[in-house]
Amino acid sequence: MLRDALDRLNSGQISIEEAVLEIEGLRIDAVGDFARLDLGRQLRCGIPEVVLAEGKEPDQLADIAVHHAEMAGRCLISRVGPVQHEIIRDRSEKKGLKCTYHEVAKMIVLSTPGAPEPVATGGIVGIITAGTSDISVAEEAKIIAEEMGCRVCTAYDVGAAGIHRLFPALKALLEAHVFIVAAGREGTLPAVVAGLVDRPVIGVPVSSGYGYMGQGRAALASMLQSCSVIVVVNIDSGFTAGAFAARIANMVVSK
């Protein structure tokens, strides 16, 4: 992104003032009168801007996503519904953009022709889920971590109800610099993992479970009360967990 700004400055496509704004990561682009895109977030914070699809009208969402991809070369959209996916796919095809839909994670990656893929940093993130109901949230975290240059290793469905499944799965992930552990219902697994490894553990409560304290509330409360040392994100916050884990892993390998 920095090189692109300097190339456009050198060729006279943008002014010095415009180049300064882009280099400082402060560029904001308006889409109609309903959205303002933060195109400098990755440069400024090291975390890609992600467009949340939930609650957005499909045509407006498509306008936002396509404009973002055209300006930045790449755009991530999370929590995408079926109708939203169809409209974004059709709009991006007309614009010549590549549209990759990750169905399990409910995420779309839009990119322009020739846009560079994320550069590998050497950071490694391990992602573990207690059950198969937690995989969608885990996959959201996985995509974000990969977009930030990390290699992601996964072990799914190794929860406390059959704890013997955890140990061989965990052994295969021990090269990870940080772990994300997603669990619903009583949310036990992050504390268990944190008691076994010497790396940071990020707990993600998942909105599975029913009845009293269901929909992730019991899992969140359990993780917050963990006697093992863990960090906890909000219910179903795969994006936050993936971005935070990637920042940790990338800081480790940058030393």
C-alpha atoms as a PDB file:
ATOM      1  CA  MET A   1       0.000   0.000   0.000  1.00  0.00           C
ATOM      2  CA  LEU A   2       2.880   2.395   0.833  1.00  0.00           C
ATOM      3  CA  ARG A   3       4.703   1.551  -2.399  1.00  0.00           C
ATOM      4  CA  ASP A   4       1.504   2.045  -4.393  1.00  0.00           C
ATOM      5  CA  ALA A   5       1.002   5.528  -2.898  1.00  0.00           C
ATOM      6  CA  LEU A   6       4.591   6.507  -3.707  1.00  0.00           C
ATOM      7  CA  ASP A   7       4.287   5.168  -7.266  1.00  0.00           C
ATOM      8  CA  ARG A   8       1.119   7.209  -7.834  1.00  0.00           C
ATOM      9  CA  LEU A   9       2.783  10.291  -6.356  1.00  0.00           C
ATOM     10  CA  ASN A  10       5.775   9.825  -8.656  1.00  0.00           C
ATOM     11  CA  SER A  11       3.523   9.481 -11.725  1.00  0.00           C
ATOM     12  CA  GLY A  12       1.495  12.570 -10.793  1.00  0.00           C
ATOM     13  CA  GLN A  13      -1.752  10.705 -10.116  1.00  0.00           C
ATOM     14  CA  ILE A  14      -1.999  12.104  -6.585  1.00  0.00           C
ATOM     15  CA  SER A  15      -0.690  15.199  -4.822  1.00  0.00           C
ATOM     16  CA  ILE A  16       1.865  15.307  -2.022  1.00  0.00           C
ATOM     17  CA  GLU A  17      -0.951  16.048   0.444  1.00  0.00           C
ATOM     18  CA  GLU A  18      -2.943  13.015  -0.737  1.00  0.00           C
ATOM     19  CA  ALA A  19       0.157  10.818  -0.492  1.00  0.00           C
ATOM     20  CA  VAL A  20       0.809  12.023   3.055  1.00  0.00           C
ATOM     21  CA  LEU A  21      -2.742  11.151   4.098  1.00  0.00           C
ATOM     22  CA  GLU A  22      -2.462   7.660   2.639  1.00  0.00           C
ATOM     23  CA  ILE A  23       0.967   7.039   4.123  1.00  0.00           C
ATOM     24  CA  GLU A  24      -0.251   8.120   7.549  1.00  0.00           C
ATOM     25  CA  GLY A  25      -3.194   5.766   7.254  1.00  0.00           C
ATOM     26  CA  LEU A  26      -5.819   8.463   7.598  1.00  0.00           C
ATOM     27  CA  ARG A  27      -7.596   8.098   4.289  1.00  0.00           C
ATOM     28  CA  ILE A  28     -11.390   8.066   4.480  1.00  0.00           C
ATOM     29  CA  ASP A  29     -13.525   7.452   1.383  1.00  0.00           C
ATOM     30  CA  ALA A  30     -17.249   8.206   1.283  1.00  0.00           C
ATOM     31  CA  VAL A  31     -19.684   5.813  -0.394  1.00  0.00           C
ATOM     32  CA  GLY A  32     -22.807   7.773  -1.228  1.00  0.00           C
ATOM     33  CA  ASP A  33     -24.214   9.458   1.864  1.00  0.00           C
ATOM     34  CA  PHE A  34     -24.357   6.299   3.978  1.00  0.00           C
ATOM     35  CA  ALA A  35     -20.792   5.053   4.548  1.00  0.00           C
ATOM     36  CA  ARG A  36     -17.263   6.286   5.197  1.00  0.00           C
ATOM     37  CA  LEU A  37     -14.548   3.713   4.574  1.00  0.00           C
ATOM     38  CA  ASP A  38     -11.384   3.576   6.667  1.00  0.00           C
ATOM     39  CA  LEU A  39      -8.881   2.640   3.959  1.00  0.00           C
ATOM     40  CA  GLY A  40      -5.871   3.279   6.168  1.00  0.00           C
ATOM     41  CA  ARG A  41      -6.632   0.836   8.974  1.00  0.00           C
ATOM     42  CA  GLN A  42      -4.229  -1.885   7.823  1.00  0.00           C
ATOM     43  CA  LEU A  43      -1.390   0.584   7.344  1.00  0.00           C
ATOM     44  CA  ARG A  44      -2.173   2.384  10.596  1.00  0.00           C
ATOM     45  CA  CYS A  45      -3.007  -0.558  12.893  1.00  0.00           C
ATOM     46  CA  GLY A  46      -1.793  -3.670  11.073  1.00  0.00           C
ATOM     47  CA  ILE A  47      -5.350  -5.036  11.090  1.00  0.00           C
ATOM     48  CA  PRO A  48      -7.446  -5.217   7.905  1.00  0.00           C
ATOM     49  CA  GLU A  49     -10.674  -3.257   7.713  1.00  0.00           C
ATOM     50  CA  VAL A  50     -13.592  -5.704   7.796  1.00  0.00           C
ATOM     51  CA  VAL A  51     -17.074  -4.753   6.625  1.00  0.00           C
ATOM     52  CA  LEU A  52     -19.767  -6.207   8.895  1.00  0.00           C
ATOM     53  CA  ALA A  53     -22.689  -7.401   6.760  1.00  0.00           C
ATOM     54  CA  GLU A  54     -25.154  -7.876   9.618  1.00  0.00           C
ATOM     55  CA  GLY A  55     -27.942  -5.315   9.522  1.00  0.00           C
ATOM     56  CA  LYS A  56     -26.888  -3.793   6.208  1.00  0.00           C
ATOM     57  CA  GLU A  57     -29.204  -3.486   3.198  1.00  0.00           C
ATOM     58  CA  PRO A  58     -27.788  -5.808   0.487  1.00  0.00           C
ATOM     59  CA  ASP A  59     -27.367  -3.199  -2.269  1.00  0.00           C
ATOM     60  CA  GLN A  60     -25.680  -0.718   0.066  1.00  0.00           C
ATOM     61  CA  LEU A  61     -23.438  -3.488   1.395  1.00  0.00           C
ATOM     62  CA  ALA A  62     -22.428  -4.384  -2.171  1.00  0.00           C
ATOM     63  CA  ASP A  63     -21.638  -0.723  -2.909  1.00  0.00           C
ATOM     64  CA  ILE A  64     -19.444  -0.513   0.192  1.00  0.00           C
ATOM     65  CA  ALA A  65     -17.627  -3.786  -0.460  1.00  0.00           C
ATOM     66  CA  VAL A  66     -16.934  -3.184  -4.142  1.00  0.00           C
ATOM     67  CA  HIS A  67     -15.742   0.388  -3.560  1.00  0.00           C
ATOM     68  CA  HIS A  68     -13.470  -0.756  -0.750  1.00  0.00           C
ATOM     69  CA  ALA A  69     -11.959  -3.520  -2.897  1.00  0.00           C
ATOM     70  CA  GLU A  70     -11.414  -1.176  -5.833  1.00  0.00           C
ATOM     71  CA  MET A  71      -9.681   1.414  -3.635  1.00  0.00           C
ATOM     72  CA  ALA A  72      -7.657  -0.913  -1.386  1.00  0.00           C
ATOM     73  CA  GLY A  73      -7.225  -3.942  -3.653  1.00  0.00           C
ATOM     74  CA  ARG A  74      -8.844  -6.209  -1.112  1.00  0.00           C
ATOM     75  CA  CYS A  75     -11.959  -6.223   1.067  1.00  0.00           C
ATOM     76  CA  LEU A  76     -13.222  -8.593   3.771  1.00  0.00           C
ATOM     77  CA  ILE A  77     -16.920  -8.877   4.584  1.00  0.00           C
ATOM     78  CA  SER A  78     -18.098 -10.784   7.662  1.00  0.00           C
ATOM     79  CA  ARG A  79     -21.432 -12.316   8.765  1.00  0.00           C
ATOM     80  CA  VAL A  80     -22.704 -12.469   5.187  1.00  0.00           C
ATOM     81  CA  GLY A  81     -26.236 -13.762   4.561  1.00  0.00           C
ATOM     82  CA  PRO A  82     -27.320 -15.708   1.432  1.00  0.00           C
ATOM     83  CA  VAL A  83     -29.043 -12.760  -0.298  1.00  0.00           C
ATOM     84  CA  GLN A  84     -26.137 -10.455   0.502  1.00  0.00           C
ATOM     85  CA  HIS A  85     -23.713 -13.010  -0.917  1.00  0.00           C
ATOM     86  CA  GLU A  86     -25.604 -13.294  -4.190  1.00  0.00           C
ATOM     87  CA  ILE A  87     -25.734  -9.534  -4.733  1.00  0.00           C
ATOM     88  CA  ILE A  88     -22.068  -9.013  -3.825  1.00  0.00           C
ATOM     89  CA  ARG A  89     -21.057 -11.907  -6.095  1.00  0.00           C
ATOM     90  CA  ASP A  90     -23.016 -10.539  -9.056  1.00  0.00           C
ATOM     91  CA  ARG A  91     -21.826  -6.959  -8.522  1.00  0.00           C
ATOM     92  CA  SER A  92     -18.183  -8.002  -8.150  1.00  0.00           C
ATOM     93  CA  GLU A  93     -18.306 -10.134 -11.312  1.00  0.00           C
ATOM     94  CA  LYS A  94     -19.550  -7.136 -13.306  1.00  0.00           C
ATOM     95  CA  LYS A  95     -16.678  -5.074 -11.899  1.00  0.00           C
ATOM     96  CA  GLY A  96     -14.081  -7.743 -12.684  1.00  0.00           C
ATOM     97  CA  LEU A  97     -13.353  -8.498  -9.038  1.00  0.00           C
ATOM     98  CA  LYS A  98     -12.554 -11.904  -7.596  1.00  0.00           C
ATOM     99  CA  CYS A  99     -15.167 -12.971  -5.025  1.00  0.00           C
ATOM    100  CA  THR A 100     -14.211 -15.806  -2.672  1.00  0.00           C
ATOM    101  CA  TYR A 101     -17.010 -16.958  -0.375  1.00  0.00           C
ATOM    102  CA  HIS A 102     -16.102 -18.905   2.761  1.00  0.00           C
ATOM    103  CA  GLU A 103     -19.449 -20.507   3.521  1.00  0.00           C
ATOM    104  CA  VAL A 104     -18.681 -21.943   6.956  1.00  0.00           C
ATOM    105  CA  ALA A 105     -17.189 -18.675   8.208  1.00  0.00           C
ATOM    106  CA  LYS A 106     -19.892 -16.625   6.427  1.00  0.00           C
ATOM    107  CA  MET A 107     -17.138 -14.394   5.041  1.00  0.00           C
ATOM    108  CA  ILE A 108     -16.318 -12.982   1.622  1.00  0.00           C
ATOM    109  CA  VAL A 109     -12.914 -11.845   0.361  1.00  0.00           C
ATOM    110  CA  LEU A 110     -13.054  -9.481  -2.617  1.00  0.00           C
ATOM    111  CA  SER A 111      -9.900  -8.638  -4.528  1.00  0.00           C
ATOM    112  CA  THR A 112      -8.901  -6.797  -7.674  1.00  0.00           C
ATOM    113  CA  PRO A 113      -7.024  -8.582 -10.495  1.00  0.00           C
ATOM    114  CA  GLY A 114      -3.364  -8.848  -9.582  1.00  0.00           C
ATOM    115  CA  ALA A 115      -3.887  -7.677  -5.995  1.00  0.00           C
ATOM    116  CA  PRO A 116      -1.157  -9.145  -3.760  1.00  0.00           C
ATOM    117  CA  GLU A 117      -2.035 -11.937  -1.395  1.00  0.00           C
ATOM    118  CA  PRO A 118      -1.238 -11.485   2.311  1.00  0.00           C
ATOM    119  CA  VAL A 119       2.495 -11.700   2.958  1.00  0.00           C
ATOM    120  CA  ALA A 120       3.527 -14.565   5.231  1.00  0.00           C
ATOM    121  CA  THR A 121       5.002 -13.265   8.479  1.00  0.00           C
ATOM    122  CA  GLY A 122       6.086 -16.532  10.050  1.00  0.00           C
ATOM    123  CA  GLY A 123       3.535 -16.160  12.841  1.00  0.00           C
ATOM    124  CA  ILE A 124       1.625 -19.320  13.760  1.00  0.00           C
ATOM    125  CA  VAL A 125      -1.835 -19.372  15.329  1.00  0.00           C
ATOM    126  CA  GLY A 126      -3.436 -22.523  16.712  1.00  0.00           C
ATOM    127  CA  ILE A 127      -7.238 -22.676  16.757  1.00  0.00           C
ATOM    128  CA  ILE A 128      -9.150 -25.258  18.768  1.00  0.00           C
ATOM    129  CA  THR A 129     -12.883 -25.799  19.125  1.00  0.00           C
ATOM    130  CA  ALA A 130     -14.748 -27.722  21.768  1.00  0.00           C
ATOM    131  CA  GLY A 131     -17.429 -28.950  19.354  1.00  0.00           C
ATOM    132  CA  THR A 132     -18.518 -28.767  15.739  1.00  0.00           C
ATOM    133  CA  SER A 133     -21.043 -26.042  16.624  1.00  0.00           C
ATOM    134  CA  ASP A 134     -18.092 -23.747  17.293  1.00  0.00           C
ATOM    135  CA  ILE A 135     -16.431 -24.149  13.900  1.00  0.00           C
ATOM    136  CA  SER A 136     -18.107 -21.192  12.167  1.00  0.00           C
ATOM    137  CA  VAL A 137     -16.684 -18.755  14.727  1.00  0.00           C
ATOM    138  CA  ALA A 138     -13.294 -20.501  14.581  1.00  0.00           C
ATOM    139  CA  GLU A 139     -13.213 -20.230  10.792  1.00  0.00           C
ATOM    140  CA  GLU A 140     -13.909 -16.483  10.997  1.00  0.00           C
ATOM    141  CA  ALA A 141     -10.886 -16.167  13.288  1.00  0.00           C
ATOM    142  CA  LYS A 142      -8.819 -18.324  10.925  1.00  0.00           C
ATOM    143  CA  ILE A 143      -9.493 -16.136   7.884  1.00  0.00           C
ATOM    144  CA  ILE A 144      -8.590 -12.956   9.758  1.00  0.00           C
ATOM    145  CA  ALA A 145      -5.338 -14.430  11.077  1.00  0.00           C
ATOM    146  CA  GLU A 146      -4.409 -15.643   7.589  1.00  0.00           C
ATOM    147  CA  GLU A 147      -5.177 -12.213   6.136  1.00  0.00           C
ATOM    148  CA  MET A 148      -2.673 -10.828   8.634  1.00  0.00           C
ATOM    149  CA  GLY A 149       0.010 -13.172   7.317  1.00  0.00           C
ATOM    150  CA  CYS A 150      -0.136 -15.986   9.850  1.00  0.00           C
ATOM    151  CA  ARG A 151      -0.142 -19.708   9.265  1.00  0.00           C
ATOM    152  CA  VAL A 152      -3.118 -21.251  11.064  1.00  0.00           C
ATOM    153  CA  CYS A 153      -3.284 -24.792  12.427  1.00  0.00           C
ATOM    154  CA  THR A 154      -6.630 -26.151  13.600  1.00  0.00           C
ATOM    155  CA  ALA A 155      -8.040 -28.918  15.775  1.00  0.00           C
ATOM    156  CA  TYR A 156     -11.830 -29.117  15.907  1.00  0.00           C
ATOM    157  CA  ASP A 157     -14.259 -31.047  18.128  1.00  0.00           C
ATOM    158  CA  VAL A 158     -11.897 -31.879  21.002  1.00  0.00           C
ATOM    159  CA  GLY A 159     -13.995 -30.603  23.934  1.00  0.00           C
ATOM    160  CA  ALA A 160     -14.250 -31.540  27.569  1.00  0.00           C
ATOM    161  CA  ALA A 161     -17.060 -34.061  27.023  1.00  0.00           C
ATOM    162  CA  GLY A 162     -14.402 -36.348  25.545  1.00  0.00           C
ATOM    163  CA  ILE A 163     -11.249 -34.799  26.961  1.00  0.00           C
ATOM    164  CA  HIS A 164      -9.050 -37.663  25.722  1.00  0.00           C
ATOM    165  CA  ARG A 165      -9.478 -36.168  22.210  1.00  0.00           C
ATOM    166  CA  LEU A 166      -7.619 -33.016  23.240  1.00  0.00           C
ATOM    167  CA  PHE A 167      -4.145 -34.348  23.951  1.00  0.00           C
ATOM    168  CA  PRO A 168      -3.143 -35.751  20.536  1.00  0.00           C
ATOM    169  CA  ALA A 169      -4.759 -32.729  18.847  1.00  0.00           C
ATOM    170  CA  LEU A 170      -2.901 -30.296  21.093  1.00  0.00           C
ATOM    171  CA  LYS A 171       0.412 -32.069  20.554  1.00  0.00           C
ATOM    172  CA  ALA A 172       0.142 -31.348  16.809  1.00  0.00           C
ATOM    173  CA  LEU A 173      -0.369 -27.612  17.513  1.00  0.00           C
ATOM    174  CA  LEU A 174       2.474 -26.976  19.959  1.00  0.00           C
ATOM    175  CA  GLU A 175       4.487 -24.910  17.467  1.00  0.00           C
ATOM    176  CA  ALA A 176       1.805 -22.192  17.620  1.00  0.00           C
ATOM    177  CA  HIS A 177       2.785 -18.861  19.166  1.00  0.00           C
ATOM    178  CA  VAL A 178      -0.742 -18.297  20.486  1.00  0.00           C
ATOM    179  CA  PHE A 179      -3.944 -20.317  20.822  1.00  0.00           C
ATOM    180  CA  ILE A 180      -7.564 -19.423  20.149  1.00  0.00           C
ATOM    181  CA  VAL A 181     -10.022 -21.754  21.881  1.00  0.00           C
ATOM    182  CA  ALA A 182     -13.711 -21.511  20.956  1.00  0.00           C
ATOM    183  CA  ALA A 183     -16.339 -23.196  23.114  1.00  0.00           C
ATOM    184  CA  GLY A 184     -20.058 -22.918  23.781  1.00  0.00           C
ATOM    185  CA  ARG A 185     -22.304 -24.415  26.484  1.00  0.00           C
ATOM    186  CA  GLU A 186     -20.278 -24.355  29.738  1.00  0.00           C
ATOM    187  CA  GLY A 187     -17.129 -23.041  28.004  1.00  0.00           C
ATOM    188  CA  THR A 188     -14.610 -25.222  29.853  1.00  0.00           C
ATOM    189  CA  LEU A 189     -12.014 -25.860  27.173  1.00  0.00           C
ATOM    190  CA  PRO A 190     -10.005 -22.586  27.101  1.00  0.00           C
ATOM    191  CA  ALA A 191      -9.143 -22.934  30.796  1.00  0.00           C
ATOM    192  CA  VAL A 192      -8.086 -26.542  30.270  1.00  0.00           C
ATOM    193  CA  VAL A 193      -5.832 -25.651  27.340  1.00  0.00           C
ATOM    194  CA  ALA A 194      -4.320 -22.717  29.241  1.00  0.00           C
ATOM    195  CA  GLY A 195      -3.389 -25.130  32.036  1.00  0.00           C
ATOM    196  CA  LEU A 196      -1.419 -27.267  29.574  1.00  0.00           C
ATOM    197  CA  VAL A 197       0.512 -24.834  27.345  1.00  0.00           C
ATOM    198  CA  ASP A 198       3.035 -22.049  27.911  1.00  0.00           C
ATOM    199  CA  ARG A 199       1.581 -19.770  25.226  1.00  0.00           C
ATOM    200  CA  PRO A 200      -1.149 -17.097  25.378  1.00  0.00           C
ATOM    201  CA  VAL A 201      -4.700 -18.466  25.148  1.00  0.00           C
ATOM    202  CA  ILE A 202      -7.651 -16.463  23.854  1.00  0.00           C
ATOM    203  CA  GLY A 203     -11.059 -17.809  24.856  1.00  0.00           C
ATOM    204  CA  VAL A 204     -14.009 -17.300  22.522  1.00  0.00           C
ATOM    205  CA  PRO A 205     -17.436 -18.055  24.011  1.00  0.00           C
ATOM    206  CA  VAL A 206     -19.822 -19.309  21.332  1.00  0.00           C
ATOM    207  CA  SER A 207     -23.593 -18.810  21.290  1.00  0.00           C
ATOM    208  CA  SER A 208     -24.443 -22.496  21.475  1.00  0.00           C
ATOM    209  CA  GLY A 209     -26.273 -23.954  24.449  1.00  0.00           C
ATOM    210  CA  TYR A 210     -29.857 -23.462  25.569  1.00  0.00           C
ATOM    211  CA  GLY A 211     -32.018 -22.850  28.613  1.00  0.00           C
ATOM    212  CA  TYR A 212     -30.628 -20.977  31.612  1.00  0.00           C
ATOM    213  CA  MET A 213     -27.541 -18.909  30.642  1.00  0.00           C
ATOM    214  CA  GLY A 214     -27.740 -20.293  27.098  1.00  0.00           C
ATOM    215  CA  GLN A 215     -26.621 -18.629  23.866  1.00  0.00           C
ATOM    216  CA  GLY A 216     -23.039 -18.249  25.069  1.00  0.00           C
ATOM    217  CA  ARG A 217     -23.726 -16.509  28.379  1.00  0.00           C
ATOM    218  CA  ALA A 218     -22.644 -19.458  30.543  1.00  0.00           C
ATOM    219  CA  ALA A 219     -19.522 -19.932  28.392  1.00  0.00           C
ATOM    220  CA  LEU A 220     -18.627 -16.250  28.731  1.00  0.00           C
ATOM    221  CA  ALA A 221     -19.119 -16.295  32.511  1.00  0.00           C
ATOM    222  CA  SER A 222     -17.087 -19.484  32.855  1.00  0.00           C
ATOM    223  CA  MET A 223     -14.175 -18.115  30.824  1.00  0.00           C
ATOM    224  CA  LEU A 224     -14.174 -14.844  32.766  1.00  0.00           C
ATOM    225  CA  GLN A 225     -13.945 -16.861  35.995  1.00  0.00           C
ATOM    226  CA  SER A 226     -11.127 -19.101  34.720  1.00  0.00           C
ATOM    227  CA  CYS A 227      -8.426 -19.892  37.262  1.00  0.00           C
ATOM    228  CA  SER A 228      -6.061 -20.476  34.323  1.00  0.00           C
ATOM    229  CA  VAL A 229      -4.674 -17.292  32.763  1.00  0.00           C
ATOM    230  CA  ILE A 230      -6.640 -16.540  29.597  1.00  0.00           C
ATOM    231  CA  VAL A 231      -7.887 -13.509  27.694  1.00  0.00           C
ATOM    232  CA  VAL A 232     -11.584 -13.577  26.747  1.00  0.00           C
ATOM    233  CA  VAL A 233     -13.332 -11.852  23.846  1.00  0.00           C
ATOM    234  CA  ASN A 234     -17.060 -11.321  23.468  1.00  0.00           C
ATOM    235  CA  ILE A 235     -19.542 -14.003  22.410  1.00  0.00           C
ATOM    236  CA  ASP A 236     -18.967 -15.183  18.817  1.00  0.00           C
ATOM    237  CA  SER A 237     -16.160 -12.616  18.302  1.00  0.00           C
ATOM    238  CA  GLY A 238     -14.091 -14.628  15.853  1.00  0.00           C
ATOM    239  CA  PHE A 239     -12.791 -11.488  14.161  1.00  0.00           C
ATOM    240  CA  THR A 240     -11.466  -9.998  17.394  1.00  0.00           C
ATOM    241  CA  ALA A 241      -9.836 -13.259  18.468  1.00  0.00           C
ATOM    242  CA  GLY A 242      -8.219 -13.808  15.068  1.00  0.00           C
ATOM    243  CA  ALA A 243      -6.872 -10.263  14.838  1.00  0.00           C
ATOM    244  CA  PHE A 244      -5.554 -10.238  18.400  1.00  0.00           C
ATOM    245  CA  ALA A 245      -3.919 -13.647  18.017  1.00  0.00           C
ATOM    246  CA  ALA A 246      -2.269 -12.597  14.764  1.00  0.00           C
ATOM    247  CA  ARG A 247      -0.882  -9.456  16.377  1.00  0.00           C
ATOM    248  CA  ILE A 248       0.665 -11.550  19.156  1.00  0.00           C
ATOM    249  CA  ALA A 249       2.131 -14.099  16.739  1.00  0.00           C
ATOM    250  CA  ASN A 250       3.492 -11.404  14.422  1.00  0.00           C
ATOM    251  CA  MET A 251       5.104  -9.544  17.315  1.00  0.00           C
ATOM    252  CA  VAL A 252       6.809 -12.756  18.432  1.00  0.00           C
ATOM    253  CA  VAL A 253       8.393 -13.431  15.039  1.00  0.00           C
ATOM    254  CA  SER A 254       9.334  -9.788  14.436  1.00  0.00           C
ATOM    255  CA  LYS A 255      11.758  -9.756  17.383  1.00  0.00           C
END
